[in-house]
Each structure stands twice: as structure tokens, then as C-alpha cells.
Amino acid sequence: MTDLKLLALDAEDLTVVSAHMQDAVFKPKDVEYAAKSGVFSIAANRFVWEKAKRKDKSFERRRAALTIKRVGAVRSLGFDRRSGEEVLALLAVEFHKKGEGPEGELRLVCAGGAAIALDVECIEVQLADLGGAWETTSRPRHPVK
């Protein structure tokens, strides 16, 4: 499989990135924010949904980097970011526009009520596989209530 590389510059593009990052897992120690340059990044193990439609019982995860640019502030909600070993499961990447301009809040929604909220000037998100694919027999499941 070829490494995935995506760029999101609007809300429609962001839904594609969100779909590819659904069920990615990461630890708070894998999160970085360079306030001076306004760059936020996460190194995560993403579930490869694009291959999950197969009939066999093996699936794949890949190491990936999610990079968000033009970030002015970062807030963590529902988890202790100093707890470097806690595992967070990403459910969705959402954008909530503020006002008429391109600025807003980009929210990384995680399982268990955790989230990371980013104040952004505009949507500028990159997703890139870093290599390092491995097989897994576990497919994420979301119970319907």
C-alpha cells in the first residue's frame, strides 16, 4: 500500500482527514505544540479503514502524523496531558467556525469525553503516513445505543 498523504484546507476536506483518522490511538506524550510557529502535531497509530472492507480477519494500523498549522491556542479537555502513558482514541476531527472569517475552533474528539480544542486562523491540516505498518486482528467497534 502507498503511504497516505492528505491536505485539508476547508471543512469538506477535513471530513476526509477525519474519516482516515477515526479510531487512531495516541498518548499525550505524542502531542506537540510549537506556540511560536503555531504548529500542532500528533504522532498516532491510525486504523487503516480503507483496507478494512476485506472479508479476512486481519486488519492494519500505520504510524501517521497529523499536523495542524496556524494554531493560536490549545486546550485539553477531559484528560491530563501530563499523563504521558494514557491512551486516547480519536473519534473525529471537527471544525466550528467563529464569525464570518475563516477562523474557528478545530476539535479533536476522543473516546470517553476527552478532546483537544485548537483555536485556528483557518483550516490547514496535513495527514501523512510515516511508514511502519503492522497487522492487527482487532477492528474498532462502536456500540449503537
C-alpha atoms as a PDB file:
ATOM      1  CA  MET A   1       0.000   0.000   0.000  1.00  0.00           C
ATOM      2  CA  THR A   2       1.176   3.510  -0.771  1.00  0.00           C
ATOM      3  CA  ASP A   3       1.619   5.917   2.118  1.00  0.00           C
ATOM      4  CA  LEU A   4      -1.369   8.198   2.598  1.00  0.00           C
ATOM      5  CA  LYS A   5      -0.797  11.970   2.272  1.00  0.00           C
ATOM      6  CA  LEU A   6      -3.757  14.347   2.630  1.00  0.00           C
ATOM      7  CA  LEU A   7      -4.166  18.117   2.892  1.00  0.00           C
ATOM      8  CA  ALA A   8      -7.316  19.789   4.220  1.00  0.00           C
ATOM      9  CA  LEU A   9      -7.940  23.487   3.523  1.00  0.00           C
ATOM     10  CA  ASP A  10     -11.700  23.612   4.114  1.00  0.00           C
ATOM     11  CA  ALA A  11     -14.415  21.832   6.107  1.00  0.00           C
ATOM     12  CA  GLU A  12     -15.181  19.391   3.291  1.00  0.00           C
ATOM     13  CA  ASP A  13     -11.521  18.332   3.045  1.00  0.00           C
ATOM     14  CA  LEU A  14     -11.420  17.992   6.831  1.00  0.00           C
ATOM     15  CA  THR A  15     -14.169  15.347   6.782  1.00  0.00           C
ATOM     16  CA  VAL A  16     -11.891  13.160   4.633  1.00  0.00           C
ATOM     17  CA  VAL A  17      -8.975  13.581   7.057  1.00  0.00           C
ATOM     18  CA  SER A  18     -11.328  12.872   9.967  1.00  0.00           C
ATOM     19  CA  ALA A  19     -12.527   9.634   8.352  1.00  0.00           C
ATOM     20  CA  HIS A  20      -8.943   8.428   7.899  1.00  0.00           C
ATOM     21  CA  MET A  21      -8.041   9.328  11.495  1.00  0.00           C
ATOM     22  CA  GLN A  22     -11.127   7.738  13.063  1.00  0.00           C
ATOM     23  CA  ASP A  23     -10.027   5.269  15.753  1.00  0.00           C
ATOM     24  CA  ALA A  24      -6.390   6.391  15.671  1.00  0.00           C
ATOM     25  CA  VAL A  25      -4.759   5.919  19.067  1.00  0.00           C
ATOM     26  CA  PHE A  26      -2.108   8.112  20.655  1.00  0.00           C
ATOM     27  CA  LYS A  27      -0.681   9.108  24.022  1.00  0.00           C
ATOM     28  CA  PRO A  28      -0.404  12.650  25.409  1.00  0.00           C
ATOM     29  CA  LYS A  29       3.389  12.361  25.089  1.00  0.00           C
ATOM     30  CA  ASP A  30       2.850  12.024  21.284  1.00  0.00           C
ATOM     31  CA  VAL A  31       1.274  15.507  21.143  1.00  0.00           C
ATOM     32  CA  GLU A  32       3.400  18.579  20.430  1.00  0.00           C
ATOM     33  CA  TYR A  33       2.569  22.262  20.150  1.00  0.00           C
ATOM     34  CA  ALA A  34       5.120  24.829  18.992  1.00  0.00           C
ATOM     35  CA  ALA A  35       3.395  28.049  20.052  1.00  0.00           C
ATOM     36  CA  LYS A  36       5.962  30.282  18.381  1.00  0.00           C
ATOM     37  CA  SER A  37       5.352  28.783  14.929  1.00  0.00           C
ATOM     38  CA  GLY A  38       1.679  27.907  15.567  1.00  0.00           C
ATOM     39  CA  VAL A  39       2.138  24.242  14.637  1.00  0.00           C
ATOM     40  CA  PHE A  40       0.351  21.433  16.497  1.00  0.00           C
ATOM     41  CA  SER A  41       1.077  17.780  15.750  1.00  0.00           C
ATOM     42  CA  ILE A  42       0.183  14.287  16.870  1.00  0.00           C
ATOM     43  CA  ALA A  43       2.017  11.067  16.062  1.00  0.00           C
ATOM     44  CA  ALA A  44      -0.657   8.356  16.133  1.00  0.00           C
ATOM     45  CA  ASN A  45      -1.340   4.773  15.164  1.00  0.00           C
ATOM     46  CA  ARG A  46      -4.210   5.061  12.717  1.00  0.00           C
ATOM     47  CA  PHE A  47      -6.534   2.226  11.821  1.00  0.00           C
ATOM     48  CA  VAL A  48      -6.427   1.718   8.050  1.00  0.00           C
ATOM     49  CA  TRP A  49     -10.143   1.909   7.285  1.00  0.00           C
ATOM     50  CA  GLU A  50      -9.529   1.939   3.541  1.00  0.00           C
ATOM     51  CA  LYS A  51      -8.441  -1.721   3.798  1.00  0.00           C
ATOM     52  CA  ALA A  52     -10.988  -2.807   6.434  1.00  0.00           C
ATOM     53  CA  LYS A  53     -13.696  -3.816   3.947  1.00  0.00           C
ATOM     54  CA  ARG A  54     -11.906  -7.069   3.191  1.00  0.00           C
ATOM     55  CA  LYS A  55     -13.511 -10.376   4.133  1.00  0.00           C
ATOM     56  CA  ASP A  56     -10.492 -11.764   6.009  1.00  0.00           C
ATOM     57  CA  LYS A  57      -9.976 -11.223   9.717  1.00  0.00           C
ATOM     58  CA  SER A  58      -6.723  -9.291   9.628  1.00  0.00           C
ATOM     59  CA  PHE A  59      -6.557  -5.526   9.556  1.00  0.00           C
ATOM     60  CA  GLU A  60      -3.817  -2.916   9.536  1.00  0.00           C
ATOM     61  CA  ARG A  61      -2.581   0.039  11.558  1.00  0.00           C
ATOM     62  CA  ARG A  62       0.015   2.551  10.372  1.00  0.00           C
ATOM     63  CA  ARG A  63       2.064   5.217  12.121  1.00  0.00           C
ATOM     64  CA  ALA A  64       0.847   8.624  10.949  1.00  0.00           C
ATOM     65  CA  ALA A  65       1.392  12.304  11.673  1.00  0.00           C
ATOM     66  CA  LEU A  66      -1.488  14.762  11.924  1.00  0.00           C
ATOM     67  CA  THR A  67      -0.201  18.331  11.633  1.00  0.00           C
ATOM     68  CA  ILE A  68      -2.323  21.431  12.138  1.00  0.00           C
ATOM     69  CA  LYS A  69      -0.937  24.852  11.259  1.00  0.00           C
ATOM     70  CA  ARG A  70      -1.954  28.424  12.159  1.00  0.00           C
ATOM     71  CA  VAL A  71      -2.837  27.442  15.736  1.00  0.00           C
ATOM     72  CA  GLY A  72      -3.138  30.230  18.286  1.00  0.00           C
ATOM     73  CA  ALA A  73      -4.069  28.265  21.418  1.00  0.00           C
ATOM     74  CA  VAL A  74      -4.524  24.665  22.566  1.00  0.00           C
ATOM     75  CA  ARG A  75      -6.745  23.327  25.355  1.00  0.00           C
ATOM     76  CA  SER A  76      -7.038  19.749  26.581  1.00  0.00           C
ATOM     77  CA  LEU A  77     -10.396  18.650  27.925  1.00  0.00           C
ATOM     78  CA  GLY A  78     -11.224  15.514  29.927  1.00  0.00           C
ATOM     79  CA  PHE A  79      -7.693  14.128  30.321  1.00  0.00           C
ATOM     80  CA  ASP A  80      -4.410  15.012  31.983  1.00  0.00           C
ATOM     81  CA  ARG A  81      -1.910  15.932  29.277  1.00  0.00           C
ATOM     82  CA  ARG A  82       0.964  15.312  31.732  1.00  0.00           C
ATOM     83  CA  SER A  83      -0.130  11.668  31.946  1.00  0.00           C
ATOM     84  CA  GLY A  84       2.109  10.578  29.101  1.00  0.00           C
ATOM     85  CA  GLU A  85       1.043   6.916  29.061  1.00  0.00           C
ATOM     86  CA  GLU A  86      -2.763   7.303  28.902  1.00  0.00           C
ATOM     87  CA  VAL A  87      -4.060   6.020  25.553  1.00  0.00           C
ATOM     88  CA  LEU A  88      -6.562   8.252  23.742  1.00  0.00           C
ATOM     89  CA  ALA A  89      -8.723   7.050  20.860  1.00  0.00           C
ATOM     90  CA  LEU A  90      -9.595   9.721  18.303  1.00  0.00           C
ATOM     91  CA  LEU A  91     -13.200   9.588  17.083  1.00  0.00           C
ATOM     92  CA  ALA A  92     -13.452  12.689  14.885  1.00  0.00           C
ATOM     93  CA  VAL A  93     -11.826  15.932  13.798  1.00  0.00           C
ATOM     94  CA  GLU A  94     -14.408  18.736  13.774  1.00  0.00           C
ATOM     95  CA  PHE A  95     -14.332  22.411  12.815  1.00  0.00           C
ATOM     96  CA  HIS A  96     -16.575  25.043  14.390  1.00  0.00           C
ATOM     97  CA  LYS A  97     -16.428  28.361  12.564  1.00  0.00           C
ATOM     98  CA  LYS A  98     -16.306  31.616  14.556  1.00  0.00           C
ATOM     99  CA  GLY A  99     -17.870  34.601  12.829  1.00  0.00           C
ATOM    100  CA  GLU A 100     -17.697  35.349   9.118  1.00  0.00           C
ATOM    101  CA  GLY A 101     -13.980  34.776   8.547  1.00  0.00           C
ATOM    102  CA  PRO A 102     -12.050  31.527   8.204  1.00  0.00           C
ATOM    103  CA  GLU A 103     -11.065  31.326  11.898  1.00  0.00           C
ATOM    104  CA  GLY A 104     -12.626  28.909  14.340  1.00  0.00           C
ATOM    105  CA  GLU A 105     -12.102  26.027  16.707  1.00  0.00           C
ATOM    106  CA  LEU A 106     -10.764  22.738  15.456  1.00  0.00           C
ATOM    107  CA  ARG A 107     -11.663  19.987  17.905  1.00  0.00           C
ATOM    108  CA  LEU A 108     -10.118  16.530  18.146  1.00  0.00           C
ATOM    109  CA  VAL A 109     -12.897  14.490  19.766  1.00  0.00           C
ATOM    110  CA  CYS A 110     -11.732  11.391  21.635  1.00  0.00           C
ATOM    111  CA  ALA A 111     -13.494   8.478  23.309  1.00  0.00           C
ATOM    112  CA  GLY A 112     -14.517   8.856  26.948  1.00  0.00           C
ATOM    113  CA  GLY A 113     -15.340  12.559  26.671  1.00  0.00           C
ATOM    114  CA  ALA A 114     -11.747  13.692  26.111  1.00  0.00           C
ATOM    115  CA  ALA A 115     -10.936  16.329  23.489  1.00  0.00           C
ATOM    116  CA  ILE A 116      -8.267  18.722  22.307  1.00  0.00           C
ATOM    117  CA  ALA A 117      -9.527  22.155  21.231  1.00  0.00           C
ATOM    118  CA  LEU A 118      -7.402  24.314  18.929  1.00  0.00           C
ATOM    119  CA  ASP A 119      -8.051  27.961  18.109  1.00  0.00           C
ATOM    120  CA  VAL A 120      -7.058  28.278  14.444  1.00  0.00           C
ATOM    121  CA  GLU A 121      -6.816  31.162  11.951  1.00  0.00           C
ATOM    122  CA  CYS A 122      -8.116  28.826   9.244  1.00  0.00           C
ATOM    123  CA  ILE A 123      -8.176  25.139   8.329  1.00  0.00           C
ATOM    124  CA  GLU A 124      -4.714  23.931   7.338  1.00  0.00           C
ATOM    125  CA  VAL A 125      -4.367  20.264   8.257  1.00  0.00           C
ATOM    126  CA  GLN A 126      -1.993  17.642   6.912  1.00  0.00           C
ATOM    127  CA  LEU A 127      -2.135  13.880   7.415  1.00  0.00           C
ATOM    128  CA  ALA A 128       0.783  11.718   6.341  1.00  0.00           C
ATOM    129  CA  ASP A 129       1.635   8.092   6.942  1.00  0.00           C
ATOM    130  CA  LEU A 130       5.122   7.715   8.331  1.00  0.00           C
ATOM    131  CA  GLY A 131       5.563   4.083   7.395  1.00  0.00           C
ATOM    132  CA  GLY A 132       5.663   1.313   9.924  1.00  0.00           C
ATOM    133  CA  ALA A 133       2.505  -0.662   9.061  1.00  0.00           C
ATOM    134  CA  TRP A 134       1.565  -3.724  11.095  1.00  0.00           C
ATOM    135  CA  GLU A 135      -1.219  -6.285  11.117  1.00  0.00           C
ATOM    136  CA  THR A 136      -3.903  -6.400  13.781  1.00  0.00           C
ATOM    137  CA  THR A 137      -6.868  -8.698  14.297  1.00  0.00           C
ATOM    138  CA  SER A 138      -8.763  -6.056  16.282  1.00  0.00           C
ATOM    139  CA  ARG A 139     -11.230  -3.925  14.382  1.00  0.00           C
ATOM    140  CA  PRO A 140     -12.638  -0.920  16.283  1.00  0.00           C
ATOM    141  CA  ARG A 141     -16.316  -1.292  17.128  1.00  0.00           C
ATOM    142  CA  HIS A 142     -18.727   1.432  18.185  1.00  0.00           C
ATOM    143  CA  PRO A 143     -21.804   0.172  20.005  1.00  0.00           C
ATOM    144  CA  VAL A 144     -25.085   1.678  18.880  1.00  0.00           C
ATOM    145  CA  LYS A 145     -27.205   2.975  21.757  1.00  0.00           C
END
